[in-house]
Each structure stands twice: as structure tokens, then as C-alpha cells.
Amino acid sequence: MLDLPTLATILGMGLVTYLTRVVGFLLLRNKTLNPQQTRMMSIAPGCVFIAIIAPEFLTGTIGDVLALCVTFLAALRLGMLGTILVGIISALGFNWLLA
């Protein structure tokens, strides 16, 4: 069962996520992006994903750090799903190889 602080945290996180999307949409709705800006916007979700998982990876094993580097490189080329899959597979692989 959820207590009030946990529920408030979840709802607050959802609200902040929603507001960042709305504000981004409002700021960019009438803008034409050049190719470099479009590329940056396409890799932003992968970079955000890395920013979220980086602290956990950096407090882990050397396999986690190597997986983080591979995941960062994948985020430059792949979409969010591809980046997540590369991150999971590389973390499993490196930690298995280095165990």
C-alpha cells in the first residue's frame, strides 16, 4: 500500500515530466529546426536516460562503467529502445565476463 509521501512523489514526478513536455512543445511549436538541432533533439532521450542511470553505474563494478560508456555511444546513434537494449545487454555481458 502506498503512503502519502510516496504517492505525492510519484504524482509530482509525473507532473514535472508532463510540464517539461508541454513547455518544450510550446517553445518549439512554431520553430523550424535545422539539421543539427533536429539531430540533437533525436538523441536527447538517450542522453536523459544515461543521466538517470549514470549514478548507479558509476557506483558499481568496472563492468558497469564499461557498459555505461557503450550505452553512451549507442545513444548517439540509436533511439531510446535501442539505447536501453544496448545498456542492458552490455551491462550483463561485461559483468559476466569480468565476474
C-alpha atoms as a PDB file:
ATOM      1  CA  MET A   1       0.000   0.000   0.000  1.00  0.00           C
ATOM      2  CA  LEU A   2       1.265   3.464  -0.875  1.00  0.00           C
ATOM      3  CA  ASP A   3       1.779   6.010   1.852  1.00  0.00           C
ATOM      4  CA  LEU A   4       1.063   9.699   1.269  1.00  0.00           C
ATOM      5  CA  PRO A   5       4.689  10.864   0.730  1.00  0.00           C
ATOM      6  CA  THR A   6       5.304   8.125  -1.847  1.00  0.00           C
ATOM      7  CA  LEU A   7       2.078   8.911  -3.690  1.00  0.00           C
ATOM      8  CA  ALA A   8       2.861  12.648  -3.627  1.00  0.00           C
ATOM      9  CA  THR A   9       6.349  11.940  -5.007  1.00  0.00           C
ATOM     10  CA  ILE A  10       5.009   9.807  -7.853  1.00  0.00           C
ATOM     11  CA  LEU A  11       2.361  12.377  -8.748  1.00  0.00           C
ATOM     12  CA  GLY A  12       4.916  15.205  -8.528  1.00  0.00           C
ATOM     13  CA  MET A  13       7.324  13.377 -10.813  1.00  0.00           C
ATOM     14  CA  GLY A  14       4.530  12.760 -13.306  1.00  0.00           C
ATOM     15  CA  LEU A  15       3.528  16.430 -13.204  1.00  0.00           C
ATOM     16  CA  VAL A  16       7.086  17.637 -13.740  1.00  0.00           C
ATOM     17  CA  THR A  17       7.547  15.213 -16.648  1.00  0.00           C
ATOM     18  CA  TYR A  18       4.290  16.360 -18.226  1.00  0.00           C
ATOM     19  CA  LEU A  19       5.134  20.052 -17.753  1.00  0.00           C
ATOM     20  CA  THR A  20       8.567  19.707 -19.353  1.00  0.00           C
ATOM     21  CA  ARG A  21       6.960  18.141 -22.405  1.00  0.00           C
ATOM     22  CA  VAL A  22       4.275  20.829 -22.621  1.00  0.00           C
ATOM     23  CA  VAL A  23       6.767  23.667 -22.193  1.00  0.00           C
ATOM     24  CA  GLY A  24       9.068  22.129 -24.818  1.00  0.00           C
ATOM     25  CA  PHE A  25       6.167  21.797 -27.225  1.00  0.00           C
ATOM     26  CA  LEU A  26       5.039  25.373 -26.617  1.00  0.00           C
ATOM     27  CA  LEU A  27       8.545  26.746 -27.124  1.00  0.00           C
ATOM     28  CA  LEU A  28       9.188  24.820 -30.347  1.00  0.00           C
ATOM     29  CA  ARG A  29       5.733  24.611 -31.957  1.00  0.00           C
ATOM     30  CA  ASN A  30       6.315  27.443 -34.451  1.00  0.00           C
ATOM     31  CA  LYS A  31      10.028  26.878 -34.990  1.00  0.00           C
ATOM     32  CA  THR A  32      11.797  25.190 -37.874  1.00  0.00           C
ATOM     33  CA  LEU A  33      14.821  23.263 -36.668  1.00  0.00           C
ATOM     34  CA  ASN A  34      17.973  22.988 -38.722  1.00  0.00           C
ATOM     35  CA  PRO A  35      19.512  19.509 -39.259  1.00  0.00           C
ATOM     36  CA  GLN A  36      21.915  19.874 -36.325  1.00  0.00           C
ATOM     37  CA  GLN A  37      19.100  20.863 -33.951  1.00  0.00           C
ATOM     38  CA  THR A  38      16.939  18.009 -35.225  1.00  0.00           C
ATOM     39  CA  ARG A  39      19.777  15.542 -34.587  1.00  0.00           C
ATOM     40  CA  MET A  40      20.282  16.930 -31.083  1.00  0.00           C
ATOM     41  CA  MET A  41      16.573  16.561 -30.326  1.00  0.00           C
ATOM     42  CA  SER A  42      16.599  12.980 -31.602  1.00  0.00           C
ATOM     43  CA  ILE A  43      19.442  11.936 -29.268  1.00  0.00           C
ATOM     44  CA  ALA A  44      18.170  13.841 -26.243  1.00  0.00           C
ATOM     45  CA  PRO A  45      16.039  10.943 -24.881  1.00  0.00           C
ATOM     46  CA  GLY A  46      19.070   8.639 -24.851  1.00  0.00           C
ATOM     47  CA  CYS A  47      21.145  11.277 -23.084  1.00  0.00           C
ATOM     48  CA  VAL A  48      18.433  11.756 -20.480  1.00  0.00           C
ATOM     49  CA  PHE A  49      18.331   8.000 -19.969  1.00  0.00           C
ATOM     50  CA  ILE A  50      22.087   7.959 -19.418  1.00  0.00           C
ATOM     51  CA  ALA A  51      21.858  10.858 -16.957  1.00  0.00           C
ATOM     52  CA  ILE A  52      19.326   8.874 -14.950  1.00  0.00           C
ATOM     53  CA  ILE A  53      21.309   5.628 -14.869  1.00  0.00           C
ATOM     54  CA  ALA A  54      24.860   7.040 -14.689  1.00  0.00           C
ATOM     55  CA  PRO A  55      24.995   7.424 -10.875  1.00  0.00           C
ATOM     56  CA  GLU A  56      24.052   3.772 -10.391  1.00  0.00           C
ATOM     57  CA  PHE A  57      26.560   2.584 -12.969  1.00  0.00           C
ATOM     58  CA  LEU A  58      29.367   4.711 -11.541  1.00  0.00           C
ATOM     59  CA  THR A  59      28.906   3.282  -8.052  1.00  0.00           C
ATOM     60  CA  GLY A  60      29.007  -0.274  -9.365  1.00  0.00           C
ATOM     61  CA  THR A  61      31.655  -2.506 -10.870  1.00  0.00           C
ATOM     62  CA  ILE A  62      34.116  -1.887 -13.695  1.00  0.00           C
ATOM     63  CA  GLY A  63      31.710  -3.830 -15.917  1.00  0.00           C
ATOM     64  CA  ASP A  64      29.025  -1.267 -15.127  1.00  0.00           C
ATOM     65  CA  VAL A  65      31.336   1.612 -16.057  1.00  0.00           C
ATOM     66  CA  LEU A  66      32.259  -0.065 -19.350  1.00  0.00           C
ATOM     67  CA  ALA A  67      28.575  -0.689 -20.073  1.00  0.00           C
ATOM     68  CA  LEU A  68      27.835   2.971 -19.382  1.00  0.00           C
ATOM     69  CA  CYS A  69      30.447   4.012 -21.965  1.00  0.00           C
ATOM     70  CA  VAL A  70      28.991   1.639 -24.554  1.00  0.00           C
ATOM     71  CA  THR A  71      25.478   2.880 -23.755  1.00  0.00           C
ATOM     72  CA  PHE A  72      26.570   6.490 -24.203  1.00  0.00           C
ATOM     73  CA  LEU A  73      27.970   5.694 -27.642  1.00  0.00           C
ATOM     74  CA  ALA A  74      24.781   3.818 -28.536  1.00  0.00           C
ATOM     75  CA  ALA A  75      22.690   6.849 -27.536  1.00  0.00           C
ATOM     76  CA  LEU A  76      24.486   8.890 -30.176  1.00  0.00           C
ATOM     77  CA  ARG A  77      23.338   6.506 -32.906  1.00  0.00           C
ATOM     78  CA  LEU A  78      20.205   4.718 -31.715  1.00  0.00           C
ATOM     79  CA  GLY A  79      16.791   5.653 -30.428  1.00  0.00           C
ATOM     80  CA  MET A  80      15.628   5.163 -26.861  1.00  0.00           C
ATOM     81  CA  LEU A  81      14.703   1.478 -27.174  1.00  0.00           C
ATOM     82  CA  GLY A  82      17.976   0.603 -28.892  1.00  0.00           C
ATOM     83  CA  THR A  83      19.949   2.507 -26.271  1.00  0.00           C
ATOM     84  CA  ILE A  84      18.160   0.726 -23.446  1.00  0.00           C
ATOM     85  CA  LEU A  85      18.733  -2.679 -25.035  1.00  0.00           C
ATOM     86  CA  VAL A  86      22.421  -1.947 -25.605  1.00  0.00           C
ATOM     87  CA  GLY A  87      22.728  -0.768 -21.988  1.00  0.00           C
ATOM     88  CA  ILE A  88      21.113  -3.880 -20.561  1.00  0.00           C
ATOM     89  CA  ILE A  89      22.988  -6.307 -22.795  1.00  0.00           C
ATOM     90  CA  SER A  90      26.353  -4.622 -22.317  1.00  0.00           C
ATOM     91  CA  ALA A  91      25.906  -4.471 -18.529  1.00  0.00           C
ATOM     92  CA  LEU A  92      25.056  -8.161 -18.427  1.00  0.00           C
ATOM     93  CA  GLY A  93      27.893  -9.060 -20.789  1.00  0.00           C
ATOM     94  CA  PHE A  94      30.619  -7.019 -19.134  1.00  0.00           C
ATOM     95  CA  ASN A  95      29.642  -8.110 -15.632  1.00  0.00           C
ATOM     96  CA  TRP A  96      29.523 -11.743 -16.739  1.00  0.00           C
ATOM     97  CA  LEU A  97      32.915 -11.516 -18.461  1.00  0.00           C
ATOM     98  CA  LEU A  98      34.558  -9.693 -15.554  1.00  0.00           C
ATOM     99  CA  ALA A  99      32.991 -11.735 -12.741  1.00  0.00           C
END
